[in-house]
């Protein structure tokens, strides 16, 4: 296993240069403004903050940077995974759990990223949405129901990397190419 995968297991932070921070910030602001303009459901209705959007983009960028996957800074591309094959949820506070929505695709892997200060991001682990979408994890927040999967029960990133590599091999075999 390469060194870059072991980093998440030991919870070493992912950090950003100031240009990377600026690009994440701009992307987060644009996401929020366009979502409001299009009338999308605003989970943070009434709050005049862009923080959740900016932290979300930074969490996605942290996963991409950590896994050495291209990150396209997409704007409101809700029908695609956030990074590569993966969905990313970012939480402000290392004590937070993985938040999964009822509408999330059960067959997708979700990665939890946490930050305390917005400068250092920690990749905590992952879980299949279907494993988190169980009655025992169902909670109500802000008038909406969400699943909160305990961070202590997250799978290690090494398992997700192995799964992704196997998917790459399967895809290559189906296309008649080698990985």
Foldseek 3Di string as FASTA:
>chain_A
DDPLQVCLVVFDWQFDDVVVLVLLLVLLVQLVVVCVVVPHDDLPPPDPDSVLSSQLSVQLVSVCVSVVFDQDSDHPPVVAARTDQAHEHEDQDPQFFDKAAPPDDQAGKYWYWYDPPSGIIHTLAIDRSVVQPDPVQWDDDSNGIIGGDGSVPHHRVVVVVVVVVVVVQVVCVVVVHGD
